[in-house]
């Protein structure tokens, strides 16, 4: 494959990735986690303060990476931001990681890199979570930067690449605490490659020695990068200590002290085969199958014509992917977006496997036929990605939808907006949210334009507000307090099988009816 053709195909994969990630970013309701992160960003943007919380919310890079989005859009209040304001950030990172594969092309080979780029562009999981305002896509991007920079350093011996890998490692740590799992997998892969080389009695495949002080410098710049962000550029020194203490609660959750405890096959189920009732079938089995082929060629195949350093890199990638997948599988704590961290390794190996299959076929006609079949299967993956991202973006039949708000929450938000616009107090209308525990998110996102909203996790002594949004648990209490002055206008689903009520004071309801011409 010529250099020109390689660039053209890599650019084509990037365009495909953008076409699936960037359109209609407002197409689904905000997930509770997205709403929380948007509220955290508001503190940085509007109040000019950010404090790393060691118990929740993950690291600061997502918030800082969102600043250019609001600057570009020219909005000046939190109420004027939209879901697209936030989701465009991971969507851009999700597209840019396709371009990063260029830096790994001399390790994987150009045909393998093009195949991997196409699979990464159309993978339903990669597409779906690139449209999610959470940390996972940024962590994935920085992980790939670290791998690419480390490979360029191994190849060239230039200190600048080693330092770039260190900066990327620091950004990983400042993005999400689970970066340590990637570091552990990378260490395990390095040890495995060294032991395998010694067992085979092979000479070092490194083209040059690696000075210890290069590695020390990379570690130092990784620490400086992470500490700079954790301390909010020096404004909050406590962030350094909190970045260490955070592992106390997270270790407890990983061990089982969490509602997100699932069996070992949680990720495999979503990737291999998923169908709920009569819903559509989802499967990224193509990637899993090709990755298995790639693993076989990388760990067992003899490739005398392949550069020894490149062969070592593919072997390292295989060990890294297996180790990271094993770690995430063994840990009881599981959320579906975490699978991205090892899925990228599977995709790279799948690209390698696809290229090796085509290379192993005997004639040009057969190679063409195999290539057409693989492209057709990749096209089917892109159709699944379209269905997941744009047709069923909040539907439980989608394997990547998890504890998501229903479209009903947007109907509630629109009803509240109409009520307050018709009432004389407007955005000053008093609103009370009463919920059974602190799980009322993403309601604060949808009520962000309202200026007088109170949130209660128990029944207050006085619930006399113009509008009351409540959990049905409190129906009897609210009936006794509000029956003479309010009207319960309907039920809405916050999440599947989780209903909430809307109570409206009669004068507000009458103003609303007059605005509609019904009174």
Protein backbone atom coordinates (compact mmCIF):
# COMPACT_ATOMS: atom_id res chain seq x y z
CA UNK A 1 0.00 0.00 0.00
CA UNK A 2 1.50 3.32 -1.05
CA UNK A 3 1.81 6.20 1.35
CA UNK A 4 -0.72 8.27 -0.65
CA UNK A 5 -3.35 5.51 -0.62
CA UNK A 6 -2.74 4.93 3.09
CA UNK A 7 -3.34 8.61 3.92
CA UNK A 8 -6.47 8.69 1.77
CA UNK A 9 -7.96 5.60 3.42
CA UNK A 10 -7.11 6.81 6.93
CA UNK A 11 -8.77 10.15 6.15
CA UNK A 12 -11.82 8.30 4.80
CA UNK A 13 -12.12 6.34 8.06
CA UNK A 14 -11.87 9.62 9.97
CA UNK A 15 -14.70 11.16 7.92
CA UNK A 16 -16.85 8.07 8.56
CA UNK A 17 -16.11 8.39 12.28
CA UNK A 18 -17.16 12.06 12.27
CA UNK A 19 -20.35 11.31 10.32
CA UNK A 20 -21.45 8.89 13.05
CA UNK A 21 -20.28 10.90 16.06
CA UNK A 22 -21.09 14.54 15.37
CA UNK A 23 -24.67 14.78 14.04
CA UNK A 24 -27.67 15.31 16.32
CA UNK A 25 -25.78 15.37 19.60
CA UNK A 26 -29.00 16.55 21.28
CA UNK A 27 -30.82 13.43 20.06
CA UNK A 28 -31.22 11.81 23.47
CA UNK A 29 -31.91 12.94 27.03
CA UNK A 30 -29.00 13.72 29.31
CA UNK A 31 -27.81 10.79 31.38
CA UNK A 32 -27.53 11.50 35.10
CA UNK A 33 -23.73 11.21 34.91
CA UNK A 34 -23.61 13.67 32.02
CA UNK A 35 -25.77 16.15 33.93
CA UNK A 36 -23.53 15.88 36.99
CA UNK A 37 -20.41 16.49 34.89
CA UNK A 38 -22.03 19.48 33.21
CA UNK A 39 -22.82 20.92 36.64
CA UNK A 40 -19.21 20.33 37.71
CA UNK A 41 -18.03 22.15 34.61
CA UNK A 42 -20.25 25.09 35.52
CA UNK A 43 -18.25 25.57 38.72
CA UNK A 44 -15.04 25.85 36.70
CA UNK A 45 -16.50 28.05 33.97
CA UNK A 46 -18.83 30.41 35.84
CA UNK A 47 -17.41 30.42 39.37
CA UNK A 48 -13.76 29.95 38.27
CA UNK A 49 -13.17 27.21 40.77
CA UNK A 50 -12.61 23.50 40.51
CA UNK A 51 -12.01 21.14 43.42
CA UNK A 52 -11.14 17.54 42.74
CA UNK A 53 -13.45 15.26 44.72
CA UNK A 54 -11.76 11.99 45.76
CA UNK A 55 -15.11 10.24 46.32
CA UNK A 56 -16.98 10.94 43.09
CA UNK A 57 -16.95 12.56 39.66
CA UNK A 58 -13.44 11.50 38.46
CA UNK A 59 -10.69 13.80 37.24
CA UNK A 60 -10.50 17.39 35.96
CA UNK A 61 -9.43 16.97 32.32
CA UNK A 62 -13.02 16.66 31.03
CA UNK A 63 -14.00 19.98 32.61
CA UNK A 64 -10.93 21.82 31.31
CA UNK A 65 -11.35 20.30 27.84
CA UNK A 66 -14.90 21.71 27.73
CA UNK A 67 -13.83 25.35 28.09
CA UNK A 68 -13.06 25.77 24.35
CA UNK A 69 -16.56 24.53 23.52
CA UNK A 70 -18.35 27.31 25.42
CA UNK A 71 -15.81 29.88 24.18
CA UNK A 72 -16.41 28.80 20.59
CA UNK A 73 -20.19 28.91 20.97
CA UNK A 74 -20.09 32.29 22.66
CA UNK A 75 -22.60 31.39 25.39
CA UNK A 76 -22.31 33.23 28.68
CA UNK A 77 -24.73 31.43 31.01
CA UNK A 78 -25.13 27.83 32.04
CA UNK A 79 -28.80 27.91 31.04
CA UNK A 80 -27.87 28.68 27.43
CA UNK A 81 -25.63 25.66 27.04
CA UNK A 82 -27.10 22.55 25.42
CA UNK A 83 -26.29 18.86 25.50
CA UNK A 84 -24.34 19.38 22.27
CA UNK A 85 -22.14 21.97 24.01
CA UNK A 86 -20.79 19.18 26.18
CA UNK A 87 -21.06 16.11 23.97
CA UNK A 88 -19.06 17.68 21.16
CA UNK A 89 -15.98 17.42 23.41
CA UNK A 90 -15.78 13.59 23.62
CA UNK A 91 -17.08 13.43 20.04
CA UNK A 92 -14.04 15.37 18.81
CA UNK A 93 -11.69 13.21 20.86
CA UNK A 94 -13.42 10.14 19.48
CA UNK A 95 -12.71 11.23 15.92
CA UNK A 96 -9.15 12.38 16.59
CA UNK A 97 -8.16 9.01 18.03
CA UNK A 98 -8.68 7.56 14.51
CA UNK A 99 -5.95 9.88 13.25
CA UNK A 100 -3.66 8.77 16.08
CA UNK A 101 -3.40 5.35 14.45
CA UNK A 102 -1.06 6.91 11.89
CA UNK A 103 1.68 6.87 14.51
CA UNK A 104 1.28 3.10 14.98
CA UNK A 105 1.24 2.24 11.28
CA UNK A 106 4.84 1.04 11.12
CA UNK A 107 4.13 -1.31 14.04
CA UNK A 108 0.89 -2.77 12.74
CA UNK A 109 1.53 -2.28 9.03
CA UNK A 110 -0.45 0.08 6.82
CA UNK A 111 -3.16 -2.42 5.77
CA UNK A 112 -3.71 -3.38 9.44
CA UNK A 113 -3.88 0.28 10.45
CA UNK A 114 -6.47 1.10 7.80
CA UNK A 115 -8.59 -1.91 8.83
CA UNK A 116 -8.32 -0.95 12.51
CA UNK A 117 -9.21 2.68 11.71
CA UNK A 118 -12.34 1.59 9.88
CA UNK A 119 -13.40 -0.75 12.69
CA UNK A 120 -12.79 1.96 15.30
CA UNK A 121 -14.81 4.39 13.20
CA UNK A 122 -17.89 2.14 13.01
CA UNK A 123 -17.76 0.17 16.28
CA UNK A 124 -21.16 0.76 17.94
CA UNK A 125 -19.62 1.03 21.41
CA UNK A 126 -16.94 3.47 20.23
CA UNK A 127 -19.54 5.59 18.44
CA UNK A 128 -22.10 5.54 21.24
CA UNK A 129 -19.77 6.53 24.06
CA UNK A 130 -17.98 9.14 21.94
CA UNK A 131 -21.33 10.94 22.10
CA UNK A 132 -21.45 10.72 25.92
CA UNK A 133 -20.25 13.55 28.13
CA UNK A 134 -18.24 11.33 30.44
CA UNK A 135 -14.52 10.72 30.91
CA UNK A 136 -14.15 7.42 29.10
CA UNK A 137 -13.40 8.64 25.58
CA UNK A 138 -10.83 11.12 26.86
CA UNK A 139 -9.13 8.39 28.88
CA UNK A 140 -9.09 6.21 25.78
CA UNK A 141 -7.62 9.00 23.67
CA UNK A 142 -4.81 9.77 26.13
CA UNK A 143 -4.10 6.03 26.48
CA UNK A 144 -3.66 5.78 22.72
CA UNK A 145 -1.46 8.89 22.72
CA UNK A 146 0.72 7.28 25.39
CA UNK A 147 1.03 4.05 23.39
CA UNK A 148 1.77 5.89 20.14
CA UNK A 149 4.35 8.17 21.74
CA UNK A 150 6.02 5.23 23.51
CA UNK A 151 6.22 3.37 20.20
CA UNK A 152 7.73 6.40 18.44
CA UNK A 153 10.29 6.59 21.24
CA UNK A 154 11.16 2.90 20.95
CA UNK A 155 11.55 3.40 17.23
CA UNK A 156 13.55 6.63 17.27
CA UNK A 157 15.13 6.94 20.71
CA UNK A 158 14.25 10.65 20.78
CA UNK A 159 13.67 12.05 24.24
CA UNK A 160 10.79 14.23 23.01
CA UNK A 161 8.68 11.15 22.31
CA UNK A 162 9.45 9.72 25.73
CA UNK A 163 8.36 12.98 27.37
CA UNK A 164 5.21 13.04 25.22
CA UNK A 165 4.34 9.57 26.53
CA UNK A 166 4.86 10.89 30.06
CA UNK A 167 2.53 13.86 29.49
CA UNK A 168 -0.11 11.49 28.08
CA UNK A 169 0.25 9.19 31.11
CA UNK A 170 -0.25 12.19 33.39
CA UNK A 171 -3.37 13.20 31.48
CA UNK A 172 -4.67 9.64 31.79
CA UNK A 173 -4.31 9.78 35.56
CA UNK A 174 -5.92 13.23 35.70
CA UNK A 175 -8.86 11.97 33.63
CA UNK A 176 -10.01 8.94 35.58
CA UNK A 177 -8.77 6.84 38.48
CA UNK A 178 -9.02 3.64 36.41
CA UNK A 179 -5.92 4.79 34.51
CA UNK A 180 -3.96 2.69 37.01
CA UNK A 181 -5.54 -0.43 35.50
CA UNK A 182 -4.09 0.53 32.11
CA UNK A 183 -0.72 1.16 33.74
CA UNK A 184 -0.87 -2.26 35.41
CA UNK A 185 -1.76 -3.94 32.11
CA UNK A 186 1.09 -2.10 30.36
CA UNK A 187 3.53 -3.27 33.04
CA UNK A 188 2.28 -6.83 32.79
CA UNK A 189 2.60 -6.74 28.99
CA UNK A 190 6.16 -5.40 29.18
CA UNK A 191 7.21 -8.11 31.63
CA UNK A 192 5.54 -10.77 29.47
CA UNK A 193 7.34 -9.64 26.31
CA UNK A 194 10.71 -9.59 28.08
CA UNK A 195 10.17 -13.04 29.60
CA UNK A 196 9.03 -14.46 26.27
CA UNK A 197 12.12 -13.09 24.53
CA UNK A 198 14.39 -14.59 27.15
CA UNK A 199 12.57 -17.93 26.98
CA UNK A 200 13.15 -17.98 23.24
CA UNK A 201 16.77 -16.92 23.79
CA UNK A 202 16.32 -14.01 21.39
CA UNK A 203 18.41 -10.88 21.30
CA UNK A 204 16.79 -7.58 22.22
CA UNK A 205 14.66 -6.27 19.35
CA UNK A 206 15.16 -2.66 20.49
CA UNK A 207 17.07 -0.66 17.88
CA UNK A 208 18.84 1.38 20.58
CA UNK A 209 19.41 1.31 24.35
CA UNK A 210 16.92 3.11 26.61
CA UNK A 211 18.71 5.35 29.16
CA UNK A 212 17.22 5.17 32.62
CA UNK A 213 17.10 8.93 32.91
CA UNK A 214 14.78 9.14 29.91
CA UNK A 215 12.27 7.02 31.78
CA UNK A 216 12.82 9.05 34.95
CA UNK A 217 12.16 12.26 33.03
CA UNK A 218 8.97 10.79 31.56
CA UNK A 219 7.78 9.76 35.03
CA UNK A 220 8.56 13.22 36.40
CA UNK A 221 6.65 15.02 33.67
CA UNK A 222 3.73 12.61 34.11
CA UNK A 223 3.56 13.50 37.80
CA UNK A 224 3.85 17.22 37.10
CA UNK A 225 1.09 17.05 34.49
CA UNK A 226 -1.27 15.16 36.77
CA UNK A 227 -0.53 17.35 39.80
CA UNK A 228 -1.06 20.53 37.79
CA UNK A 229 -4.56 19.46 36.90
CA UNK A 230 -5.46 17.89 40.25
CA UNK A 231 -4.47 21.13 42.00
CA UNK A 232 -6.39 23.28 39.51
CA UNK A 233 -3.12 24.81 38.31
CA UNK A 234 -1.91 25.38 41.87
CA UNK A 235 -5.10 26.90 43.27
CA UNK A 236 -6.03 23.80 45.29
CA UNK A 237 -2.88 22.04 46.64
CA UNK A 238 -5.03 19.56 48.56
CA UNK A 239 -5.80 17.95 45.20
CA UNK A 240 -2.47 16.09 45.28
CA UNK A 241 -3.39 14.28 48.50
CA UNK A 242 -6.94 13.67 47.30
CA UNK A 243 -5.63 12.10 44.10
CA UNK A 244 -4.05 9.41 46.30
CA UNK A 245 -6.84 9.11 48.88
CA UNK A 246 -9.38 8.54 46.11
CA UNK A 247 -8.33 4.91 45.89
CA UNK A 248 -9.74 4.16 49.34
CA UNK A 249 -13.41 4.50 48.29
CA UNK A 250 -12.76 3.21 44.77
CA UNK A 251 -11.11 0.03 46.01
CA UNK A 252 -14.19 -0.60 48.14
CA UNK A 253 -16.49 -0.14 45.17
CA UNK A 254 -14.35 -2.33 42.95
CA UNK A 255 -14.57 -5.05 45.58
CA UNK A 256 -18.35 -5.04 45.70
CA UNK A 257 -19.54 -2.03 47.74
CA UNK A 258 -21.55 -0.62 44.84
CA UNK A 259 -24.86 -1.14 43.00
CA UNK A 260 -22.84 -1.64 39.80
CA UNK A 261 -21.84 -5.23 40.57
CA UNK A 262 -22.15 -7.60 37.62
CA UNK A 263 -20.94 -11.08 36.60
CA UNK A 264 -17.74 -11.66 34.68
CA UNK A 265 -19.47 -11.87 31.27
CA UNK A 266 -21.06 -8.40 31.55
CA UNK A 267 -18.87 -6.87 28.83
CA UNK A 268 -18.72 -9.98 26.66
CA UNK A 269 -22.51 -10.18 26.63
CA UNK A 270 -22.79 -6.67 25.24
CA UNK A 271 -20.06 -7.09 22.67
CA UNK A 272 -20.78 -10.60 21.43
CA UNK A 273 -24.57 -10.80 21.23
CA UNK A 274 -27.36 -8.65 22.61
CA UNK A 275 -31.09 -8.77 22.04
CA UNK A 276 -33.84 -7.73 24.44
CA UNK A 277 -37.29 -9.19 23.75
CA UNK A 278 -38.13 -8.48 20.12
CA UNK A 279 -35.63 -5.63 19.85
CA UNK A 280 -32.87 -5.39 17.26
CA UNK A 281 -29.83 -7.63 17.45
CA UNK A 282 -26.49 -6.06 18.30
CA UNK A 283 -23.13 -7.78 17.97
CA UNK A 284 -19.53 -6.68 17.58
CA UNK A 285 -18.63 -10.30 16.94
CA UNK A 286 -16.70 -9.30 13.81
CA UNK A 287 -14.24 -7.38 15.96
CA UNK A 288 -13.97 -10.21 18.49
CA UNK A 289 -13.40 -12.83 15.78
CA UNK A 290 -10.81 -10.79 13.89
CA UNK A 291 -9.09 -9.89 17.17
CA UNK A 292 -8.79 -13.62 17.98
CA UNK A 293 -7.18 -14.16 14.56
CA UNK A 294 -4.84 -11.23 15.17
CA UNK A 295 -3.89 -12.61 18.58
CA UNK A 296 -3.11 -15.96 17.02
CA UNK A 297 -0.82 -14.45 14.40
CA UNK A 298 0.82 -12.12 16.93
CA UNK A 299 1.57 -14.73 19.61
CA UNK A 300 1.89 -17.97 17.64
CA UNK A 301 2.59 -17.09 14.03
CA UNK A 302 6.05 -17.03 12.51
CA UNK A 303 6.69 -13.85 10.57
CA UNK A 304 10.29 -13.90 9.37
CA UNK A 305 9.80 -10.97 7.00
CA UNK A 306 8.36 -8.66 9.68
CA UNK A 307 10.62 -6.19 11.42
CA UNK A 308 11.61 -7.61 14.85
CA UNK A 309 10.76 -4.39 16.67
CA UNK A 310 7.34 -4.24 15.04
CA UNK A 311 6.75 -7.89 15.91
CA UNK A 312 7.59 -7.09 19.52
CA UNK A 313 5.12 -4.17 19.47
CA UNK A 314 2.26 -6.36 18.24
CA UNK A 315 3.13 -8.97 20.85
CA UNK A 316 3.11 -6.28 23.51
CA UNK A 317 -0.28 -5.03 22.29
CA UNK A 318 -1.65 -8.56 22.50
CA UNK A 319 -0.48 -9.04 26.08
CA UNK A 320 -1.68 -5.57 27.07
CA UNK A 321 -5.16 -6.15 25.66
CA UNK A 322 -5.51 -9.56 27.27
CA UNK A 323 -4.31 -8.27 30.63
CA UNK A 324 -6.58 -5.23 30.61
CA UNK A 325 -9.61 -7.24 29.50
CA UNK A 326 -8.91 -9.76 32.25
CA UNK A 327 -8.66 -7.01 34.88
CA UNK A 328 -11.95 -5.42 33.90
CA UNK A 329 -13.61 -8.83 33.70
CA UNK A 330 -12.44 -9.94 37.15
CA UNK A 331 -13.36 -6.72 38.96
CA UNK A 332 -17.01 -7.04 40.13
CA UNK A 333 -17.67 -3.31 39.62
CA UNK A 334 -18.73 -2.83 36.00
CA UNK A 335 -20.27 -0.08 33.93
CA UNK A 336 -20.55 -0.65 30.18
CA UNK A 337 -18.49 2.35 29.07
CA UNK A 338 -15.43 0.90 30.80
CA UNK A 339 -15.15 -1.69 28.03
CA UNK A 340 -13.72 1.00 25.72
CA UNK A 341 -10.36 0.71 27.43
CA UNK A 342 -9.70 -2.82 26.22
CA UNK A 343 -11.93 -2.60 23.14
CA UNK A 344 -9.41 -0.35 21.42
CA UNK A 345 -6.78 -3.07 21.83
CA UNK A 346 -9.20 -5.62 20.39
CA UNK A 347 -9.86 -3.30 17.44
CA UNK A 348 -6.15 -2.85 16.72
CA UNK A 349 -5.68 -6.62 16.84
CA UNK A 350 -8.78 -7.07 14.68
CA UNK A 351 -7.25 -4.79 12.06
CA UNK A 352 -4.07 -6.84 12.26
CA UNK A 353 -6.07 -10.05 11.92
CA UNK A 354 -8.01 -8.75 8.91
CA UNK A 355 -4.82 -7.76 7.11
CA UNK A 356 -3.19 -11.13 7.87
CA UNK A 357 -6.24 -13.03 6.56
CA UNK A 358 -6.13 -11.11 3.28
CA UNK A 359 -2.35 -11.51 3.03
CA UNK A 360 -2.68 -15.28 3.55
CA UNK A 361 -5.18 -15.76 0.72
CA UNK A 362 -3.55 -17.18 -2.44
CA UNK A 363 -4.80 -15.07 -5.36
CA UNK A 364 -5.85 -11.51 -6.09
CA UNK A 365 -9.42 -12.62 -6.85
CA UNK A 366 -9.75 -14.35 -3.48
CA UNK A 367 -8.14 -11.40 -1.70
CA UNK A 368 -10.68 -9.09 -3.33
CA UNK A 369 -13.56 -11.34 -2.35
CA UNK A 370 -12.41 -11.54 1.28
CA UNK A 371 -11.93 -7.79 1.36
CA UNK A 372 -15.45 -7.18 0.01
CA UNK A 373 -16.96 -9.55 2.59
CA UNK A 374 -15.10 -7.82 5.42
CA UNK A 375 -16.16 -4.39 4.16
CA UNK A 376 -19.76 -5.59 4.03
CA UNK A 377 -19.57 -6.80 7.62
CA UNK A 378 -18.01 -3.49 8.66
CA UNK A 379 -20.91 -1.75 6.92
CA UNK A 380 -23.30 -3.78 9.05
CA UNK A 381 -21.41 -2.59 12.13
CA UNK A 382 -21.89 1.00 10.97
CA UNK A 383 -25.64 0.33 10.69
CA UNK A 384 -25.65 -0.93 14.27
CA UNK A 385 -23.74 2.18 15.33
CA UNK A 386 -26.33 4.38 13.62
CA UNK A 387 -29.15 2.49 15.35
CA UNK A 388 -27.45 2.74 18.74
CA UNK A 389 -26.50 6.41 18.48
CA UNK A 390 -29.44 7.96 16.65
CA UNK A 391 -32.42 5.58 16.55
CA UNK A 392 -32.36 3.94 19.99
CA UNK A 393 -30.09 6.29 21.97
CA UNK A 394 -32.01 5.95 25.26
CA UNK A 395 -33.75 2.62 24.68
CA UNK A 396 -32.97 -0.26 27.11
CA UNK A 397 -32.86 -2.59 24.10
CA UNK A 398 -29.60 -0.86 23.17
CA UNK A 399 -26.70 -2.76 24.82
CA UNK A 400 -24.87 0.46 25.66
CA UNK A 401 -27.79 2.22 27.34
CA UNK A 402 -27.34 1.96 31.10
CA UNK A 403 -29.52 3.55 33.82
CA UNK A 404 -30.48 6.21 31.32
CA UNK A 405 -33.15 8.88 31.63
CA UNK A 406 -36.15 8.36 29.38
CA UNK A 407 -37.45 10.86 26.79
CA UNK A 408 -40.23 11.54 29.32
CA UNK A 409 -37.79 13.69 31.28
CA UNK A 410 -37.63 16.10 28.37
CA UNK A 411 -41.44 16.20 28.22
CA UNK A 412 -41.46 17.08 31.93
CA UNK A 413 -38.87 19.80 31.38
CA UNK A 414 -40.92 21.26 28.54
CA UNK A 415 -44.10 21.20 30.65
CA UNK A 416 -42.33 22.97 33.52
CA UNK A 417 -40.96 25.56 31.10
CA UNK A 418 -44.44 26.28 29.74
CA UNK A 419 -45.87 26.55 33.24
CA UNK A 420 -43.24 29.04 34.41
CA UNK A 421 -43.38 31.10 31.21
CA UNK A 422 -47.14 31.52 31.63
CA UNK A 423 -46.89 32.47 35.32
CA UNK A 424 -46.02 35.97 36.47
CA UNK A 425 -42.94 34.85 38.44
CA UNK A 426 -41.35 33.29 35.35
CA UNK A 427 -37.91 31.83 36.19
CA UNK A 428 -38.43 32.95 39.81
CA UNK A 429 -41.27 30.44 40.20
CA UNK A 430 -40.63 28.27 43.25
CA UNK A 431 -40.04 24.60 42.43
CA UNK A 432 -39.61 21.80 44.94
CA UNK A 433 -38.07 18.45 44.00
CA UNK A 434 -38.68 15.69 46.56
CA UNK A 435 -36.94 12.43 45.85
CA UNK A 436 -36.32 9.15 47.61
CA UNK A 437 -32.54 9.56 47.92
CA UNK A 438 -30.07 11.68 45.95
CA UNK A 439 -30.96 10.12 42.60
CA UNK A 440 -32.99 12.95 41.11
CA UNK A 441 -30.38 13.63 38.45
CA UNK A 442 -30.59 14.67 35.59
CA UNK A 443 -33.46 16.90 36.83
CA UNK A 444 -31.09 19.74 37.88
CA UNK A 445 -29.84 19.91 34.28
CA UNK A 446 -33.36 20.30 32.92
CA UNK A 447 -34.28 22.86 35.57
CA UNK A 448 -31.06 24.87 35.13
CA UNK A 449 -32.89 27.96 33.83
CA UNK A 450 -35.05 28.13 36.96
CA UNK A 451 -33.66 30.27 39.75
CA UNK A 452 -35.63 29.04 42.77
CA UNK A 453 -35.39 25.25 42.92
CA UNK A 454 -35.00 23.26 46.12
CA UNK A 455 -34.01 19.58 46.34
CA UNK A 456 -35.10 17.33 49.19
CA UNK A 457 -34.28 13.66 49.81
CA UNK A 458 -37.07 13.35 52.41
CA UNK A 459 -40.52 14.79 52.84
CA UNK A 460 -40.23 18.43 54.03
CA UNK A 461 -42.52 19.85 56.68
CA UNK A 462 -43.81 22.43 54.21
CA UNK A 463 -44.13 21.47 50.54
CA UNK A 464 -46.05 24.61 49.54
CA UNK A 465 -44.21 25.55 46.34
CA UNK A 466 -45.70 26.67 43.03
CA UNK A 467 -44.50 23.45 41.37
CA UNK A 468 -43.65 20.20 43.12
CA UNK A 469 -41.86 17.31 41.40
CA UNK A 470 -41.93 14.24 43.60
CA UNK A 471 -41.32 10.54 43.90
CA UNK A 472 -44.62 8.57 44.20
CA UNK A 473 -43.47 7.40 47.65
CA UNK A 474 -44.64 10.77 48.96
CA UNK A 475 -48.05 10.72 47.28
CA UNK A 476 -50.02 10.34 50.51
CA UNK A 477 -48.05 13.08 52.29
CA UNK A 478 -48.40 15.47 49.37
CA UNK A 479 -52.08 14.72 49.03
CA UNK A 480 -52.66 15.69 52.66
CA UNK A 481 -50.61 18.88 52.28
CA UNK A 482 -51.52 20.02 48.78
CA UNK A 483 -54.89 18.55 47.88
CA UNK A 484 -56.76 21.83 48.49
CA UNK A 485 -54.30 24.08 46.65
CA UNK A 486 -52.58 21.98 43.94
CA UNK A 487 -53.41 19.68 41.09
CA UNK A 488 -51.40 16.53 40.38
CA UNK A 489 -51.18 16.87 36.59
CA UNK A 490 -49.49 13.62 35.63
CA UNK A 491 -46.75 11.01 35.84
CA UNK A 492 -43.41 11.02 34.05
CA UNK A 493 -40.69 8.39 33.83
CA UNK A 494 -37.30 9.63 34.95
CA UNK A 495 -35.69 6.26 34.26
CA UNK A 496 -37.41 3.05 33.15
CA UNK A 497 -39.86 1.91 35.85
CA UNK A 498 -39.05 5.01 37.93
CA UNK A 499 -42.02 7.39 37.92
CA UNK A 500 -42.25 10.93 39.23
CA UNK A 501 -45.29 13.16 39.79
CA UNK A 502 -45.88 16.78 38.85
CA UNK A 503 -47.97 18.87 41.24
CA UNK A 504 -48.96 22.39 40.14
CA UNK A 505 -50.52 25.11 42.28
CA UNK A 506 -53.92 26.11 40.96
CA UNK A 507 -53.04 29.74 40.14
CA UNK A 508 -50.03 28.56 38.12
CA UNK A 509 -52.19 25.96 36.36
CA UNK A 510 -54.85 28.54 35.55
CA UNK A 511 -52.22 30.91 34.11
CA UNK A 512 -50.98 28.04 31.96
CA UNK A 513 -54.49 27.24 30.70
CA UNK A 514 -55.10 30.91 29.86
CA UNK A 515 -51.85 31.02 27.86
CA UNK A 516 -53.15 28.05 25.87
CA UNK A 517 -56.51 29.70 25.29
CA UNK A 518 -58.33 27.02 27.27
CA UNK A 519 -59.61 29.27 30.02
